[in-house]
Amino acid sequence: MQRKLTRLALLTAAALGVAALVSLNLASSAAASGNALGGGSGCPVNTVRVGPLCVDKYEATVWSQPPTEDGKPRGIQFGRTGDDYPCSFNGSDCSGSNPIYAASMPGRRPAAFVTWFQAQQACLNVGKRLPTNAEWQGAAAGTPTDYEPGPDDEVHDCNTSTAGRAVATGSRNRCVSSFGAYDMVGNMFEWTADWIQGSSTPWAPSVGTAGPDFGDDFMRGTNPAVEGGYGPSALVRGGSFNAGKFSPNGSGAGTFALNARFSPDGAGEDGGFRCVQ
């Protein structure tokens, strides 16, 4: 009997040892996978964890093909110096015959001249979406602008007043939020998902259609945006490299900077976006 008990104890110990080894290997594999995805956060490469979200670490670039799993670009880059997107400004073919794809990566000139509709589709085509206004606000928290009032230093500070153009994503190394997202202040205005009533005056809610560019669909009861085409305002956040034009010290950009003047079909040299998932 004693021999049987001893043998059973040895077999049990061996089994437990194997289970522990398997568990350790699985944990190591999971950790390695997490590191490959995004520094152990469980998020894809070039994104950062913000609560339950994975937020793009960098302002978006736009391409003719989706990026590789390890974040490398593929295809032709659009929107670097002008509106050369292959799809319509209303986004109707940006996921169909002329698809475009958003990518978060460092050291690139971010996409500009992009409408809300195009940005939305570019995010969706890579399994992401535009952040809500509240999500953007959360991800931007902690981005330092303690050099204001006054111009940025042209090297490390957020690009708000001195360069006069967009700089490469992530190149201003102090312009990073508490969560690790770069350039959420300055560089490019960033579209968010939210639309609100436009602020054009006098208050005159539309009573017709959105026009032929939007299929003559009804768009009634919304006050038009001040700038852009037909329709309400889509919120942009953070300010841009042009902030110095609106305030001598660049305070037109910041974590609380918000602009509700643009309709979702508007686009410009300092208008960009980032995605979340």
Protein backbone atom coordinates (compact mmCIF):
# COMPACT_ATOMS: atom_id res chain seq x y z
CA MET A 1 0.00 0.00 0.00
CA GLN A 2 2.79 2.38 0.94
CA ARG A 3 4.47 1.82 -2.46
CA LYS A 4 1.20 2.55 -4.29
CA LEU A 5 0.71 5.80 -2.37
CA THR A 6 4.28 6.86 -3.05
CA ARG A 7 3.93 6.11 -6.75
CA LEU A 8 0.63 8.02 -6.90
CA ALA A 9 2.24 11.01 -5.20
CA LEU A 10 5.11 11.00 -7.69
CA LEU A 11 2.73 10.80 -10.66
CA THR A 12 0.62 13.65 -9.25
CA ALA A 13 3.69 15.82 -8.73
CA ALA A 14 4.87 15.10 -12.27
CA ALA A 15 1.47 16.00 -13.68
CA LEU A 16 1.41 19.24 -11.73
CA GLY A 17 4.90 20.05 -12.96
CA VAL A 18 3.84 19.53 -16.59
CA ALA A 19 0.74 21.69 -16.05
CA ALA A 20 2.83 24.44 -14.52
CA LEU A 21 5.28 24.27 -17.43
CA VAL A 22 2.44 24.46 -19.97
CA SER A 23 0.93 27.38 -18.08
CA LEU A 24 4.29 29.16 -18.03
CA ASN A 25 4.79 28.60 -21.76
CA LEU A 26 1.30 29.90 -22.52
CA ALA A 27 1.89 32.97 -20.39
CA SER A 28 5.22 33.59 -22.13
CA SER A 29 3.57 33.23 -25.53
CA ALA A 30 0.78 35.62 -24.55
CA ALA A 31 3.32 38.15 -23.32
CA ALA A 32 5.33 37.87 -26.51
CA SER A 33 2.16 38.26 -28.55
CA GLY A 34 1.15 41.31 -26.52
CA ASN A 35 4.55 42.89 -27.05
CA ALA A 36 4.26 42.29 -30.78
CA LEU A 37 0.79 43.85 -30.74
CA GLY A 38 1.73 46.97 -28.86
CA GLY A 39 4.08 46.85 -25.90
CA GLY A 40 2.08 44.33 -23.90
CA SER A 41 -1.08 46.48 -23.93
CA GLY A 42 -3.05 44.05 -26.08
CA CYS A 43 -3.44 46.81 -28.70
CA PRO A 44 -2.16 46.64 -32.30
CA VAL A 45 1.22 48.10 -33.17
CA ASN A 46 1.39 51.92 -33.21
CA THR A 47 -1.68 52.28 -31.00
CA VAL A 48 -1.92 53.01 -27.27
CA ARG A 49 -4.26 51.76 -24.59
CA VAL A 50 -6.73 54.38 -23.34
CA GLY A 51 -9.19 52.69 -21.00
CA PRO A 52 -11.07 50.11 -23.11
CA LEU A 53 -9.85 51.66 -26.39
CA CYS A 54 -6.83 51.31 -28.62
CA VAL A 55 -6.09 54.81 -29.92
CA ASP A 56 -3.75 55.52 -32.81
CA LYS A 57 -0.41 56.64 -31.42
CA TYR A 58 0.16 58.96 -34.39
CA GLU A 59 -1.96 61.14 -36.64
CA ALA A 60 -3.18 59.17 -39.62
CA THR A 61 -1.52 58.77 -42.96
CA VAL A 62 -3.67 57.51 -45.87
CA TRP A 63 -2.62 54.83 -48.36
CA SER A 64 -3.83 52.86 -51.35
CA GLN A 65 -3.30 49.58 -49.45
CA PRO A 66 -3.69 48.64 -45.77
CA PRO A 67 -0.51 48.56 -43.66
CA THR A 68 1.17 45.29 -42.78
CA GLU A 69 0.49 43.70 -39.38
CA ASP A 70 3.74 45.14 -38.04
CA GLY A 71 2.72 48.65 -39.10
CA LYS A 72 4.73 49.09 -42.30
CA PRO A 73 3.16 51.15 -45.12
CA ARG A 74 2.06 49.70 -48.43
CA GLY A 75 1.07 51.30 -51.70
CA ILE A 76 0.78 55.00 -52.53
CA GLN A 77 0.45 57.69 -49.86
CA PHE A 78 -2.29 60.28 -50.37
CA GLY A 79 -2.92 63.73 -48.94
CA ARG A 80 0.69 64.73 -48.28
CA THR A 81 0.69 67.99 -50.23
CA GLY A 82 -2.75 68.22 -51.81
CA ASP A 83 -6.11 66.61 -52.43
CA ASP A 84 -5.04 63.60 -54.47
CA TYR A 85 -7.39 61.04 -52.93
CA PRO A 86 -8.73 58.57 -55.50
CA CYS A 87 -12.25 58.56 -54.04
CA SER A 88 -14.99 61.16 -53.73
CA PHE A 89 -15.03 63.80 -50.99
CA ASN A 90 -18.41 62.42 -49.85
CA GLY A 91 -16.81 59.03 -49.16
CA SER A 92 -19.28 57.05 -51.25
CA ASP A 93 -16.62 55.06 -53.10
CA CYS A 94 -13.81 55.15 -50.52
CA SER A 95 -14.56 51.59 -49.46
CA GLY A 96 -15.63 50.31 -52.86
CA SER A 97 -14.05 50.98 -56.21
CA ASN A 98 -11.40 53.38 -54.89
CA PRO A 99 -10.58 52.28 -51.34
CA ILE A 100 -8.29 54.22 -49.02
CA TYR A 101 -6.69 52.98 -45.80
CA ALA A 102 -5.61 54.78 -42.64
CA ALA A 103 -2.30 53.95 -40.99
CA SER A 104 -0.67 55.06 -37.74
CA MET A 105 3.10 55.27 -38.07
CA PRO A 106 5.94 57.54 -36.96
CA GLY A 107 8.06 59.80 -39.12
CA ARG A 108 5.48 60.47 -41.84
CA ARG A 109 3.76 63.61 -43.01
CA PRO A 110 0.17 63.18 -41.82
CA ALA A 111 -2.79 63.12 -44.16
CA ALA A 112 -4.28 66.54 -44.96
CA PHE A 113 -7.02 67.86 -47.27
CA VAL A 114 -9.23 65.01 -46.08
CA THR A 115 -12.96 65.33 -45.47
CA TRP A 116 -14.79 63.80 -42.53
CA PHE A 117 -16.37 61.27 -44.91
CA GLN A 118 -13.03 60.16 -46.33
CA ALA A 119 -11.47 59.93 -42.87
CA GLN A 120 -14.37 57.84 -41.61
CA GLN A 121 -14.04 55.37 -44.48
CA ALA A 122 -10.23 55.18 -44.21
CA CYS A 123 -10.62 54.16 -40.55
CA LEU A 124 -13.41 51.67 -41.25
CA ASN A 125 -11.35 50.01 -43.99
CA VAL A 126 -8.76 48.96 -41.40
CA GLY A 127 -11.26 47.86 -38.76
CA LYS A 128 -11.22 51.12 -36.82
CA ARG A 129 -13.36 54.27 -36.52
CA LEU A 130 -13.12 57.96 -35.72
CA PRO A 131 -13.04 58.74 -31.99
CA THR A 132 -15.98 60.47 -30.37
CA ASN A 133 -15.35 63.92 -28.97
CA ALA A 134 -15.28 62.47 -25.44
CA GLU A 135 -12.84 59.71 -26.43
CA TRP A 136 -10.54 62.22 -28.09
CA GLN A 137 -10.60 64.39 -24.97
CA GLY A 138 -9.64 61.45 -22.78
CA ALA A 139 -6.77 60.34 -25.00
CA ALA A 140 -5.32 63.88 -25.23
CA ALA A 141 -5.10 64.36 -21.46
CA GLY A 142 -1.67 65.37 -20.20
CA THR A 143 -0.29 66.67 -23.50
CA PRO A 144 1.98 69.51 -22.29
CA THR A 145 1.55 73.07 -23.49
CA ASP A 146 3.36 74.74 -20.62
CA TYR A 147 5.40 76.83 -23.09
CA GLU A 148 2.26 78.92 -23.68
CA PRO A 149 1.89 81.83 -23.66
CA GLY A 150 4.65 82.05 -26.20
CA PRO A 151 5.71 80.23 -29.38
CA ASP A 152 6.71 76.59 -29.47
CA ASP A 153 10.45 75.84 -29.55
CA GLU A 154 10.35 74.37 -33.10
CA VAL A 155 12.01 71.15 -31.90
CA HIS A 156 10.35 69.40 -28.95
CA ASP A 157 7.12 71.30 -28.22
CA CYS A 158 3.82 70.67 -29.97
CA ASN A 159 3.74 72.19 -33.46
CA THR A 160 1.42 75.12 -32.82
CA SER A 161 2.95 78.34 -34.10
CA THR A 162 6.42 78.33 -35.64
CA ALA A 163 6.81 75.73 -38.41
CA GLY A 164 3.98 77.00 -40.60
CA ARG A 165 3.41 73.47 -41.89
CA ALA A 166 2.78 69.95 -40.69
CA VAL A 167 5.80 68.11 -39.29
CA ALA A 168 6.48 64.37 -39.30
CA THR A 169 4.31 62.34 -36.96
CA GLY A 170 5.88 61.84 -33.54
CA SER A 171 8.82 64.13 -34.28
CA ARG A 172 7.98 66.60 -31.48
CA ASN A 173 9.00 64.30 -28.65
CA ARG A 174 7.46 66.33 -25.82
CA CYS A 175 4.11 66.53 -27.56
CA VAL A 176 2.74 63.31 -26.11
CA SER A 177 -0.27 62.62 -23.90
CA SER A 178 -0.31 60.76 -20.60
CA PHE A 179 -1.36 57.68 -22.56
CA GLY A 180 1.44 57.94 -25.14
CA ALA A 181 -0.48 59.49 -28.07
CA TYR A 182 1.59 62.01 -30.05
CA ASP A 183 0.59 65.33 -31.64
CA MET A 184 -2.88 65.58 -30.15
CA VAL A 185 -2.16 69.28 -29.75
CA GLY A 186 -1.21 71.20 -32.88
CA ASN A 187 0.19 69.82 -36.12
CA MET A 188 -3.24 68.84 -37.59
CA PHE A 189 -6.80 69.53 -36.58
CA GLU A 190 -8.36 66.10 -35.99
CA TRP A 191 -11.86 65.10 -37.04
CA THR A 192 -14.00 63.42 -34.40
CA ALA A 193 -17.08 61.31 -35.01
CA ASP A 194 -19.57 63.86 -33.64
CA TRP A 195 -21.77 66.23 -35.62
CA ILE A 196 -23.61 69.16 -34.00
CA GLN A 197 -25.82 72.02 -35.12
CA GLY A 198 -23.90 74.51 -37.25
CA SER A 199 -23.31 78.04 -36.01
CA SER A 200 -24.12 80.07 -39.11
CA THR A 201 -26.26 83.16 -38.50
CA PRO A 202 -29.01 84.05 -38.71
CA TRP A 203 -30.29 80.71 -37.41
CA ALA A 204 -31.89 79.13 -40.45
CA PRO A 205 -32.43 75.35 -40.28
CA SER A 206 -32.32 73.78 -43.72
CA VAL A 207 -35.62 72.76 -45.30
CA GLY A 208 -34.36 71.18 -48.52
CA THR A 209 -32.00 68.44 -49.60
CA ALA A 210 -28.29 67.94 -49.13
CA GLY A 211 -27.73 68.65 -52.81
CA PRO A 212 -26.67 66.57 -55.83
CA ASP A 213 -23.29 65.66 -54.31
CA PHE A 214 -25.21 63.80 -51.60
CA GLY A 215 -27.92 62.21 -53.71
CA ASP A 216 -30.39 65.03 -53.05
CA ASP A 217 -31.18 63.29 -49.76
CA PHE A 218 -33.32 65.20 -47.30
CA MET A 219 -31.34 67.12 -44.69
CA ARG A 220 -33.83 69.17 -42.74
CA GLY A 221 -33.87 70.93 -39.39
CA THR A 222 -30.09 71.33 -39.09
CA ASN A 223 -28.45 74.73 -39.09
CA PRO A 224 -25.57 74.80 -41.59
CA ALA A 225 -21.92 75.00 -40.61
CA VAL A 226 -20.16 78.33 -41.10
CA GLU A 227 -17.46 76.90 -43.37
CA GLY A 228 -17.60 74.15 -45.98
CA GLY A 229 -20.54 72.85 -47.93
CA TYR A 230 -24.05 71.91 -46.96
CA GLY A 231 -24.89 70.38 -43.60
CA PRO A 232 -24.20 70.66 -39.86
CA SER A 233 -20.81 70.98 -38.16
CA ALA A 234 -18.42 68.10 -37.54
CA LEU A 235 -16.19 68.70 -34.53
CA VAL A 236 -12.43 69.01 -34.95
CA ARG A 237 -10.10 69.00 -31.97
CA GLY A 238 -6.63 69.96 -30.84
CA GLY A 239 -5.80 72.90 -33.10
CA SER A 240 -3.13 72.84 -35.78
CA PHE A 241 0.19 74.29 -36.92
CA ASN A 242 -1.83 77.34 -37.96
CA ALA A 243 -2.86 78.11 -34.37
CA GLY A 244 -0.43 81.02 -34.30
CA LYS A 245 -2.50 82.76 -36.97
CA PHE A 246 -5.46 82.90 -34.61
CA SER A 247 -3.55 83.80 -31.45
CA PRO A 248 -0.03 85.25 -31.18
CA ASN A 249 1.02 82.73 -28.53
CA GLY A 250 -0.34 79.62 -30.26
CA SER A 251 -3.11 79.10 -27.72
CA GLY A 252 -5.50 78.34 -30.56
CA ALA A 253 -4.20 74.79 -30.07
CA GLY A 254 -4.47 72.71 -26.91
CA THR A 255 -6.12 69.75 -25.27
CA PHE A 256 -9.32 71.79 -24.89
CA ALA A 257 -9.22 73.45 -28.33
CA LEU A 258 -12.42 72.75 -30.26
CA ASN A 259 -13.69 74.04 -33.60
CA ALA A 260 -17.28 73.57 -34.74
CA ARG A 261 -17.19 75.77 -37.84
CA PHE A 262 -16.60 73.10 -40.50
CA SER A 263 -19.11 70.95 -42.34
CA PRO A 264 -18.07 67.28 -42.74
CA ASP A 265 -17.27 67.81 -46.43
CA GLY A 266 -14.71 70.51 -45.62
CA ALA A 267 -10.98 69.92 -46.02
CA GLY A 268 -7.78 71.93 -45.73
CA GLU A 269 -4.02 71.92 -45.42
CA ASP A 270 -4.17 71.53 -41.63
CA GLY A 271 -7.11 69.11 -41.34
CA GLY A 272 -6.37 65.48 -40.45
CA PHE A 273 -7.53 62.69 -38.14
CA ARG A 274 -6.63 59.59 -36.16
CA CYS A 275 -8.53 56.35 -35.58
CA VAL A 276 -9.52 54.24 -32.58
CA GLN A 277 -10.79 50.72 -32.07
